[in-house]
Amino acid sequence: MADELSPGEPLSTLIKGSRDLLRPEELVREAIRDVVKEEIRHHLEKTLKDDPKLAHDLHDAVRALLEARAQEYAVLLRMATLAARLGLAAAPPELRARLTAEVVEMVGKELGQIVEKSL
């Protein structure tokens, strides 16, 4: 009986978790899904290769979508900046000076990290 594991022991939990990961029906379902996705991808690529205008139009639409997303993020950043400015303008003068210094320090750190990552 010493070989039997109690339900709370780590080894028992690991074995149960391993059995759950290796369920064949899950593996088969995932493999079939991957095969179907690959077939669809090949079909779409062939369709685009056969119709250059459609491929060009899709390329333009994706580019327009990315530009719209970038514009959206720029506007959101502008709105956040304006909200911060409004909050600072509404604050009492002594608090405004302290908050302004903290915001400048925070933005400086963030910009420094962005520059470091981009180099």
Protein backbone atom coordinates (compact mmCIF):
# COMPACT_ATOMS: atom_id res chain seq x y z
CA MET A 1 0.00 0.00 0.00
CA ALA A 2 3.01 2.31 0.35
CA ASP A 3 3.24 2.50 -3.48
CA GLU A 4 -0.22 4.08 -3.77
CA LEU A 5 -0.27 7.87 -3.94
CA SER A 6 -2.71 10.02 -2.10
CA PRO A 7 -4.74 12.33 -4.34
CA GLY A 8 -2.98 15.46 -3.08
CA GLU A 9 0.59 14.39 -3.75
CA PRO A 10 2.49 16.26 -6.51
CA LEU A 11 3.40 13.09 -8.42
CA SER A 12 -0.23 12.01 -8.55
CA THR A 13 -1.22 15.44 -9.83
CA LEU A 14 1.53 15.35 -12.47
CA ILE A 15 0.48 11.91 -13.71
CA LYS A 16 -3.18 12.95 -13.92
CA GLY A 17 -2.22 16.13 -15.77
CA SER A 18 -0.07 14.13 -18.21
CA ARG A 19 -2.97 11.80 -18.95
CA ASP A 20 -5.18 14.81 -19.65
CA LEU A 21 -2.59 16.24 -22.07
CA LEU A 22 -2.31 12.99 -23.99
CA ARG A 23 -6.00 12.40 -24.65
CA PRO A 24 -6.02 10.96 -28.17
CA GLU A 25 -9.33 12.52 -29.20
CA GLU A 26 -7.93 15.99 -28.45
CA LEU A 27 -4.75 15.29 -30.42
CA VAL A 28 -6.70 13.96 -33.40
CA ARG A 29 -9.09 16.91 -33.36
CA GLU A 30 -6.20 19.39 -33.26
CA ALA A 31 -4.31 17.57 -36.03
CA ILE A 32 -7.40 17.54 -38.28
CA ARG A 33 -7.98 21.23 -37.57
CA ASP A 34 -4.38 22.01 -38.58
CA VAL A 35 -4.72 19.99 -41.80
CA VAL A 36 -7.98 21.76 -42.71
CA LYS A 37 -6.45 25.18 -41.99
CA GLU A 38 -3.46 24.33 -44.20
CA GLU A 39 -5.73 23.19 -47.04
CA ILE A 40 -7.77 26.39 -46.80
CA ARG A 41 -4.58 28.45 -46.76
CA HIS A 42 -3.29 26.70 -49.90
CA HIS A 43 -6.64 27.19 -51.66
CA LEU A 44 -6.71 30.90 -50.81
CA GLU A 45 -3.10 31.37 -51.91
CA LYS A 46 -3.86 29.65 -55.24
CA THR A 47 -6.96 31.82 -55.70
CA LEU A 48 -4.92 34.98 -55.09
CA LYS A 49 -2.16 33.78 -57.41
CA ASP A 50 -4.72 33.14 -60.16
CA ASP A 51 -6.34 36.58 -59.73
CA PRO A 52 -3.65 39.29 -59.40
CA LYS A 53 -6.23 42.08 -59.20
CA LEU A 54 -7.92 40.40 -56.24
CA ALA A 55 -4.51 39.95 -54.58
CA HIS A 56 -3.68 43.61 -55.17
CA ASP A 57 -7.07 44.75 -53.83
CA LEU A 58 -6.62 42.56 -50.73
CA HIS A 59 -3.14 44.00 -50.21
CA ASP A 60 -4.54 47.54 -50.45
CA ALA A 61 -7.38 46.73 -48.04
CA VAL A 62 -4.99 45.26 -45.48
CA ARG A 63 -2.73 48.31 -45.78
CA ALA A 64 -5.75 50.62 -45.33
CA LEU A 65 -6.82 48.63 -42.27
CA LEU A 66 -3.35 48.91 -40.72
CA GLU A 67 -3.28 52.64 -41.45
CA ALA A 68 -6.71 53.05 -39.86
CA ARG A 69 -5.56 51.15 -36.76
CA ALA A 70 -2.45 53.32 -36.51
CA GLN A 71 -4.63 56.42 -36.86
CA GLU A 72 -6.95 55.10 -34.16
CA TYR A 73 -4.04 54.57 -31.78
CA ALA A 74 -2.72 58.06 -32.55
CA VAL A 75 -6.13 59.56 -31.75
CA LEU A 76 -6.41 57.53 -28.54
CA LEU A 77 -2.98 58.76 -27.51
CA ARG A 78 -4.02 62.31 -28.29
CA MET A 79 -7.22 61.88 -26.23
CA ALA A 80 -5.21 60.51 -23.30
CA THR A 81 -2.82 63.45 -23.55
CA LEU A 82 -5.70 65.92 -23.60
CA ALA A 83 -7.35 64.19 -20.64
CA ALA A 84 -4.09 64.46 -18.69
CA ARG A 85 -3.76 68.13 -19.63
CA LEU A 86 -7.35 68.77 -18.55
CA GLY A 87 -6.73 67.00 -15.25
CA LEU A 88 -3.59 69.04 -14.65
CA ALA A 89 -5.33 72.30 -15.59
CA ALA A 90 -8.15 71.56 -13.13
CA ALA A 91 -5.77 70.70 -10.27
CA PRO A 92 -4.69 73.28 -7.67
CA PRO A 93 -1.39 75.01 -8.61
CA GLU A 94 0.76 73.27 -5.96
CA LEU A 95 -0.56 69.84 -6.95
CA ARG A 96 -0.23 70.71 -10.65
CA ALA A 97 3.51 71.36 -10.32
CA ARG A 98 4.11 68.06 -8.53
CA LEU A 99 1.97 66.07 -10.95
CA THR A 100 3.62 67.70 -13.95
CA ALA A 101 7.06 66.71 -12.66
CA GLU A 102 5.89 63.12 -12.07
CA VAL A 103 4.32 62.87 -15.53
CA VAL A 104 7.45 64.23 -17.19
CA GLU A 105 9.60 61.71 -15.28
CA MET A 106 7.28 58.82 -16.17
CA VAL A 107 7.16 59.76 -19.86
CA GLY A 108 10.94 60.16 -19.92
CA LYS A 109 11.40 56.64 -18.54
CA GLU A 110 8.93 55.18 -21.02
CA LEU A 111 10.60 56.94 -23.96
CA GLY A 112 13.99 55.73 -22.75
CA GLN A 113 12.73 52.14 -22.72
CA ILE A 114 11.22 52.51 -26.18
CA VAL A 115 14.51 53.90 -27.55
CA GLU A 116 16.50 51.08 -25.92
CA LYS A 117 14.21 48.44 -27.41
CA SER A 118 14.40 49.99 -30.87
CA LEU A 119 18.20 50.05 -30.97
